[in-house]
Amino acid sequence: MIIANSEDGNLVFKDYQNRKITILHEEYLELMGSEERREIRSALEDCLTNPSEVWFSLENIDGKDYSYYKYIKLYSNLVFIAYVLLNEFLKMKLNNFYGFSMDDIEEAEKERCGQLIFSTLK
């Protein structure tokens, strides 16, 4: 079930601060081509609107600078992660999402990097 709205060829989600996060329909369908993503898709809105943590990072990949938020949501059987890129106009675009099972908790822990900007964890 998609809770996101549709606008100008994009799906539009909202985050915990009610900011718009978009993704082109075609890019969303491409992401959903993976069975693993389809199995965890239902956690996407919850992760964006009610994250356990949000990290901000800057990264240079092949000579190009990227700034992004990494939304992390902890569940009893899953660590869900959503990547949201910021463009030069500070518009937010969903880039990727995936999950780690509790068997892969050490790999999930490596995702906790950058500047922590929000946390509900104590």
Protein backbone atom coordinates (compact mmCIF):
# COMPACT_ATOMS: atom_id res chain seq x y z
CA MET A 1 0.00 0.00 0.00
CA ILE A 2 1.41 3.38 -1.03
CA ILE A 3 0.49 6.25 1.27
CA ALA A 4 2.49 8.76 -0.75
CA ASN A 5 0.75 11.32 -2.94
CA SER A 6 1.42 11.77 -6.65
CA GLU A 7 2.58 15.10 -8.04
CA ASP A 8 4.13 16.00 -11.42
CA GLY A 9 5.24 12.42 -12.18
CA ASN A 10 6.64 11.96 -8.67
CA LEU A 11 5.56 10.09 -5.59
CA VAL A 12 5.65 12.47 -2.65
CA PHE A 13 6.31 11.34 0.90
CA LYS A 14 6.54 13.44 4.07
CA ASP A 15 9.17 13.10 6.77
CA TYR A 16 9.07 13.62 10.54
CA GLN A 17 9.30 17.42 10.02
CA ASN A 18 6.61 17.37 7.33
CA ARG A 19 9.20 18.04 4.58
CA LYS A 20 8.46 16.77 1.06
CA ILE A 21 10.52 13.85 -0.21
CA THR A 22 9.99 12.94 -3.86
CA ILE A 23 10.92 10.12 -6.19
CA LEU A 24 10.04 9.75 -9.87
CA HIS A 25 7.45 7.02 -10.46
CA GLU A 26 9.86 5.27 -12.83
CA GLU A 27 12.69 5.30 -10.29
CA TYR A 28 10.34 4.01 -7.59
CA LEU A 29 9.23 1.13 -9.83
CA GLU A 30 12.89 0.36 -10.55
CA LEU A 31 13.62 0.18 -6.81
CA MET A 32 10.60 -2.06 -6.32
CA GLY A 33 11.99 -4.54 -8.87
CA SER A 34 13.86 -6.19 -6.00
CA GLU A 35 11.87 -8.79 -4.08
CA GLU A 36 13.79 -7.90 -0.90
CA ARG A 37 12.57 -4.30 -1.16
CA ARG A 38 8.98 -5.35 -1.86
CA GLU A 39 9.05 -7.43 1.33
CA ILE A 40 10.05 -4.44 3.51
CA ARG A 41 8.33 -1.66 1.52
CA SER A 42 5.58 -1.26 4.12
CA ALA A 43 8.13 0.24 6.55
CA LEU A 44 9.10 3.16 4.29
CA GLU A 45 6.56 5.77 5.44
CA ASP A 46 7.04 4.79 9.07
CA CYS A 47 10.79 5.18 8.75
CA LEU A 48 10.45 8.65 7.20
CA THR A 49 7.75 9.96 9.56
CA ASN A 50 8.86 8.23 12.75
CA PRO A 51 12.61 7.47 12.46
CA SER A 52 14.75 6.14 15.29
CA GLU A 53 17.67 8.20 13.99
CA VAL A 54 18.50 10.59 11.17
CA TRP A 55 22.08 11.15 10.05
CA PHE A 56 23.37 13.86 7.71
CA SER A 57 26.40 13.19 5.51
CA LEU A 58 28.46 14.77 2.76
CA GLU A 59 30.24 12.46 0.37
CA ASN A 60 32.31 12.86 -2.79
CA ILE A 61 31.71 10.10 -5.32
CA ASP A 62 33.66 10.17 -8.58
CA GLY A 63 34.39 13.87 -8.15
CA LYS A 64 30.79 14.86 -7.42
CA ASP A 65 29.64 16.05 -4.00
CA TYR A 66 26.48 14.58 -2.51
CA SER A 67 24.67 15.57 0.66
CA TYR A 68 22.07 13.25 2.05
CA TYR A 69 20.02 12.21 5.03
CA LYS A 70 19.99 8.64 6.21
CA TYR A 71 16.76 7.75 8.03
CA ILE A 72 17.10 4.69 10.26
CA LYS A 73 14.22 2.86 11.91
CA LEU A 74 14.77 0.00 14.35
CA TYR A 75 12.23 -2.81 14.52
CA SER A 76 12.39 -6.04 16.50
CA ASN A 77 13.40 -8.00 13.39
CA LEU A 78 14.71 -5.34 10.99
CA VAL A 79 16.87 -2.23 10.71
CA PHE A 80 15.27 -0.19 7.92
CA ILE A 81 17.32 2.50 6.17
CA ALA A 82 16.18 5.13 3.67
CA TYR A 83 18.60 7.40 1.80
CA VAL A 84 17.32 10.87 0.87
CA LEU A 85 19.51 13.09 -1.33
CA LEU A 86 19.51 16.88 -1.11
CA ASN A 87 19.97 18.79 -4.33
CA GLU A 88 21.51 22.26 -4.70
CA PHE A 89 18.09 23.81 -3.96
CA LEU A 90 17.75 21.64 -0.80
CA LYS A 91 14.92 19.62 -2.34
CA MET A 92 14.77 16.11 -0.96
CA LYS A 93 14.71 13.03 -3.20
CA LEU A 94 14.33 9.42 -2.06
CA ASN A 95 17.33 7.60 -3.49
CA ASN A 96 17.25 4.13 -1.96
CA PHE A 97 15.93 2.02 0.89
CA TYR A 98 16.82 -1.38 2.26
CA GLY A 99 16.84 -3.41 5.43
CA PHE A 100 19.17 -5.47 7.57
CA SER A 101 17.96 -8.46 9.51
CA MET A 102 18.99 -8.77 13.14
CA ASP A 103 21.58 -11.33 11.99
CA ASP A 104 23.30 -8.46 10.14
CA ILE A 105 23.20 -5.95 13.00
CA GLU A 106 26.97 -5.31 12.77
CA GLU A 107 26.58 -4.28 9.11
CA ALA A 108 23.63 -2.06 10.04
CA GLU A 109 25.72 -0.41 12.75
CA LYS A 110 28.19 0.76 10.08
CA GLU A 111 25.38 2.86 8.56
CA ARG A 112 25.35 5.06 11.66
CA CYS A 113 27.84 7.63 10.43
CA GLY A 114 27.95 11.32 9.60
CA GLN A 115 26.34 13.94 11.82
CA LEU A 116 23.50 12.69 14.02
CA ILE A 117 20.69 15.24 13.71
CA PHE A 118 17.78 13.35 15.27
CA SER A 119 17.45 10.42 17.65
CA THR A 120 14.81 8.77 19.79
CA LEU A 121 17.35 6.26 21.13
CA LYS A 122 18.70 6.61 24.64
